[in-house]
Each structure stands twice: as C-alpha cells, then as structure tokens.
Amino acid sequence: MRVAVLASGSGTLLDSILAAEFPVSLVVVDRACRAEQVAADHGVECVRQDRTDFSPSFDRSAFSLELASLLSARSIELVAMAGYGTILDAAMHESFPGRIINTHPALLPSFPGWHAVRDALAYGVKVTGCTIHIATIEVDAGPILAQEAVPVLDDDDES
C-alpha cells in the first residue's frame, strides 16, 4: 500500500511514524517546516505544496483539488495527517473516501480543532490524550480508530 503523510510543523509525529519503519512513500508539507528535514533524514521524498494564503478568502477547494491530484498522480492509496494544519475540502475526501487518517492531540470528541492541548489545559482536565480517527469533511468528527489517555501533571504546559 502506498502511503503519504501530510505534515505542517516540527515533524515529531512524522519522525515517530518513520522510525517505526512504517512504509511511507511520500511526505507532503504545506509550508516550510522541520518535517521536510525529518523526511530527508529518513530518505523519504518530500513535496511542498505551499499554502501562501491564510486569509478568509483562502481557496480551500482549489488547494484540496491540487493536493488530491498530486497524491493520485503518485498512486497514493492511504493518507495520514500528522500535525497537518490545512483543513481539507471535499475534493480530498471524495478522492480518498475513508482513507484519510488524522492524528489529534486530545481525546475526541473533547477539544476538537487546532488548539486542543491549550483548550484542554485551560479547561483544567486531569486526563487528556491522543486520538487516531478517520478524517471526514467535518473537522475532528470522524470514526475513532484508537485513543490513548495521558495524565495531566501539575507542571504541564502547552509545549
């Protein structure tokens, strides 16, 4: 199976995936980030599809269609989002139905969205965790595949 990992940041999840020798065929990033170097360190091809517009007028549909085309041209069969910051539109979900997996740093359905760790700490939870789920058009709402709870310690912060 040909797998692509989408990343936007430090690449810690990507590094864990690659260190576990999971067979990743391609890494795609949406901005300059450390994940590019992580892919290079593991000898995995990395492509940057720059997202240069972060305004309300961002054309999410065109960006998603371009990404779906890129992945389809590389014969990708499964997509794993590992800290990917761009929400994907219908074109991606239609091209890879039920085959987009997302990682989320909270126990969904609690604390969906980009700031899950911050939000969980602000709420005062004593336990948080991570979730692996099938991505759907509705953000952080797809079927849950796995979860792992982690205690929140008194001196924990967002980092």
Protein backbone atom coordinates (compact mmCIF):
# COMPACT_ATOMS: atom_id res chain seq x y z
CA MET A 1 0.00 0.00 0.00
CA ARG A 2 1.34 3.45 -0.94
CA VAL A 3 1.03 5.85 1.99
CA ALA A 4 1.53 9.61 2.09
CA VAL A 5 1.96 11.59 5.29
CA LEU A 6 0.84 15.23 5.40
CA ALA A 7 2.69 17.45 7.89
CA SER A 8 2.99 21.16 8.70
CA GLY A 9 5.25 21.55 11.69
CA SER A 10 8.05 20.10 13.75
CA GLY A 11 7.69 16.61 12.31
CA THR A 12 7.64 14.78 15.64
CA LEU A 13 4.72 12.56 14.58
CA LEU A 14 6.30 12.02 11.17
CA ASP A 15 9.58 11.07 12.83
CA SER A 16 7.78 8.51 15.03
CA ILE A 17 5.99 7.02 12.02
CA LEU A 18 9.21 6.74 10.03
CA ALA A 19 11.29 5.49 12.99
CA ALA A 20 8.74 2.66 13.38
CA GLU A 21 9.63 1.74 9.78
CA PHE A 22 6.09 2.30 8.57
CA PRO A 23 6.34 2.21 4.75
CA VAL A 24 5.75 5.85 3.78
CA SER A 25 6.06 6.59 0.06
CA LEU A 26 5.72 10.37 0.18
CA VAL A 27 5.59 13.28 2.62
CA VAL A 28 3.71 16.45 1.67
CA VAL A 29 4.04 19.70 3.62
CA ASP A 30 2.01 22.87 3.17
CA ARG A 31 4.74 25.28 4.31
CA ALA A 32 8.45 25.38 5.06
CA CYS A 33 8.86 23.35 8.24
CA ARG A 34 11.10 20.93 10.12
CA ALA A 35 9.08 17.97 8.78
CA GLU A 36 10.92 18.46 5.46
CA GLN A 37 14.23 17.70 7.18
CA VAL A 38 12.72 14.75 9.06
CA ALA A 39 11.62 13.24 5.74
CA ALA A 40 15.09 13.83 4.27
CA ASP A 41 16.77 12.27 7.32
CA HIS A 42 14.72 9.11 6.72
CA GLY A 43 15.28 9.13 2.96
CA VAL A 44 11.63 9.74 2.11
CA GLU A 45 10.66 12.04 -0.74
CA CYS A 46 9.05 15.28 0.42
CA VAL A 47 6.99 17.64 -1.73
CA ARG A 48 5.96 21.12 -0.63
CA GLN A 49 2.56 22.35 -1.77
CA ASP A 50 2.81 25.87 -0.39
CA ARG A 51 -0.19 27.38 1.27
CA THR A 52 0.56 31.07 0.97
CA ASP A 53 -2.91 32.41 1.78
CA PHE A 54 -4.13 32.25 5.38
CA SER A 55 -6.89 34.82 4.91
CA PRO A 56 -10.64 34.16 4.99
CA SER A 57 -10.59 34.18 1.18
CA PHE A 58 -8.26 31.13 1.01
CA ASP A 59 -9.45 28.87 -1.82
CA ARG A 60 -9.64 25.62 0.18
CA SER A 61 -11.39 23.82 -2.67
CA ALA A 62 -8.65 24.57 -5.21
CA PHE A 63 -5.90 23.72 -2.71
CA SER A 64 -7.59 20.40 -1.85
CA LEU A 65 -8.12 19.55 -5.51
CA GLU A 66 -4.43 20.25 -6.24
CA LEU A 67 -3.38 18.04 -3.31
CA ALA A 68 -5.72 15.22 -4.39
CA SER A 69 -4.28 15.41 -7.89
CA LEU A 70 -0.70 15.33 -6.60
CA LEU A 71 -1.41 12.28 -4.43
CA SER A 72 -3.37 10.46 -7.14
CA ALA A 73 -0.56 11.05 -9.65
CA ARG A 74 1.80 9.30 -7.18
CA SER A 75 -0.62 6.35 -6.80
CA ILE A 76 -1.15 7.08 -3.10
CA GLU A 77 -3.75 4.81 -1.51
CA LEU A 78 -3.81 5.98 2.13
CA VAL A 79 -3.24 9.47 3.55
CA ALA A 80 -2.11 10.08 7.14
CA MET A 81 -2.27 13.59 8.55
CA ALA A 82 0.41 14.08 11.19
CA GLY A 83 0.07 17.61 12.52
CA TYR A 84 -1.19 18.94 9.19
CA GLY A 85 -2.51 22.48 9.57
CA THR A 86 -4.71 22.87 6.49
CA ILE A 87 -8.30 21.66 6.68
CA LEU A 88 -9.11 19.63 3.58
CA ASP A 89 -12.17 20.20 1.43
CA ALA A 90 -14.46 17.80 -0.42
CA ALA A 91 -12.03 17.06 -3.29
CA MET A 92 -9.69 15.22 -0.92
CA HIS A 93 -12.45 13.29 0.84
CA GLU A 94 -14.01 12.30 -2.49
CA SER A 95 -10.63 11.17 -3.89
CA PHE A 96 -9.71 9.17 -0.77
CA PRO A 97 -13.04 8.14 0.80
CA GLY A 98 -12.47 6.62 4.22
CA ARG A 99 -8.73 6.55 3.51
CA ILE A 100 -7.59 9.74 5.26
CA ILE A 101 -6.40 9.15 8.81
CA ASN A 102 -5.87 12.02 11.24
CA THR A 103 -3.94 12.32 14.47
CA HIS A 104 -5.39 14.61 17.13
CA PRO A 105 -3.77 15.65 20.45
CA ALA A 106 -6.85 15.16 22.63
CA LEU A 107 -9.45 12.54 23.45
CA LEU A 108 -12.10 13.32 20.85
CA PRO A 109 -14.86 14.30 20.83
CA SER A 110 -13.49 16.64 23.51
CA PHE A 111 -11.36 19.57 22.37
CA PRO A 112 -11.56 19.41 18.58
CA GLY A 113 -9.62 21.91 16.49
CA TRP A 114 -6.09 23.21 16.15
CA HIS A 115 -5.59 24.27 19.82
CA ALA A 116 -6.69 21.06 21.55
CA VAL A 117 -3.83 20.94 24.07
CA ARG A 118 -4.24 24.59 25.04
CA ASP A 119 -8.00 24.17 25.33
CA ALA A 120 -7.75 21.02 27.46
CA LEU A 121 -5.30 22.67 29.86
CA ALA A 122 -7.45 25.81 30.09
CA TYR A 123 -10.45 23.65 30.96
CA GLY A 124 -8.46 22.03 33.75
CA VAL A 125 -8.65 18.39 32.70
CA LYS A 126 -6.75 15.83 34.75
CA VAL A 127 -6.52 13.41 31.82
CA THR A 128 -6.03 14.16 28.15
CA GLY A 129 -4.57 12.04 25.38
CA CYS A 130 -4.48 11.45 21.68
CA THR A 131 -6.88 10.13 19.09
CA ILE A 132 -6.42 8.48 15.70
CA HIS A 133 -9.54 8.77 13.58
CA ILE A 134 -10.78 8.68 10.03
CA ALA A 135 -10.91 12.23 8.74
CA THR A 136 -14.22 13.45 7.41
CA ILE A 137 -15.39 16.72 5.92
CA GLU A 138 -16.45 17.74 9.44
CA VAL A 139 -13.24 18.53 11.33
CA ASP A 140 -12.26 16.06 14.09
CA ALA A 141 -15.58 14.24 13.90
CA GLY A 142 -14.78 11.02 12.02
CA PRO A 143 -14.93 7.49 13.40
CA ILE A 144 -12.35 6.89 16.13
CA LEU A 145 -9.84 4.12 15.45
CA ALA A 146 -7.72 4.39 18.61
CA GLN A 147 -7.25 6.56 21.68
CA GLU A 148 -4.67 6.68 24.44
CA ALA A 149 -5.16 8.58 27.69
CA VAL A 150 -2.35 10.57 29.29
CA PRO A 151 -2.47 12.12 32.78
CA VAL A 152 -2.05 15.89 33.01
CA LEU A 153 0.61 16.74 35.57
CA ASP A 154 0.57 19.88 37.68
CA ASP A 155 3.52 21.45 35.85
CA ASP A 156 2.38 20.53 32.31
CA ASP A 157 2.06 23.34 29.82
CA GLU A 158 1.11 23.52 26.15
CA SER A 159 4.62 22.69 24.92
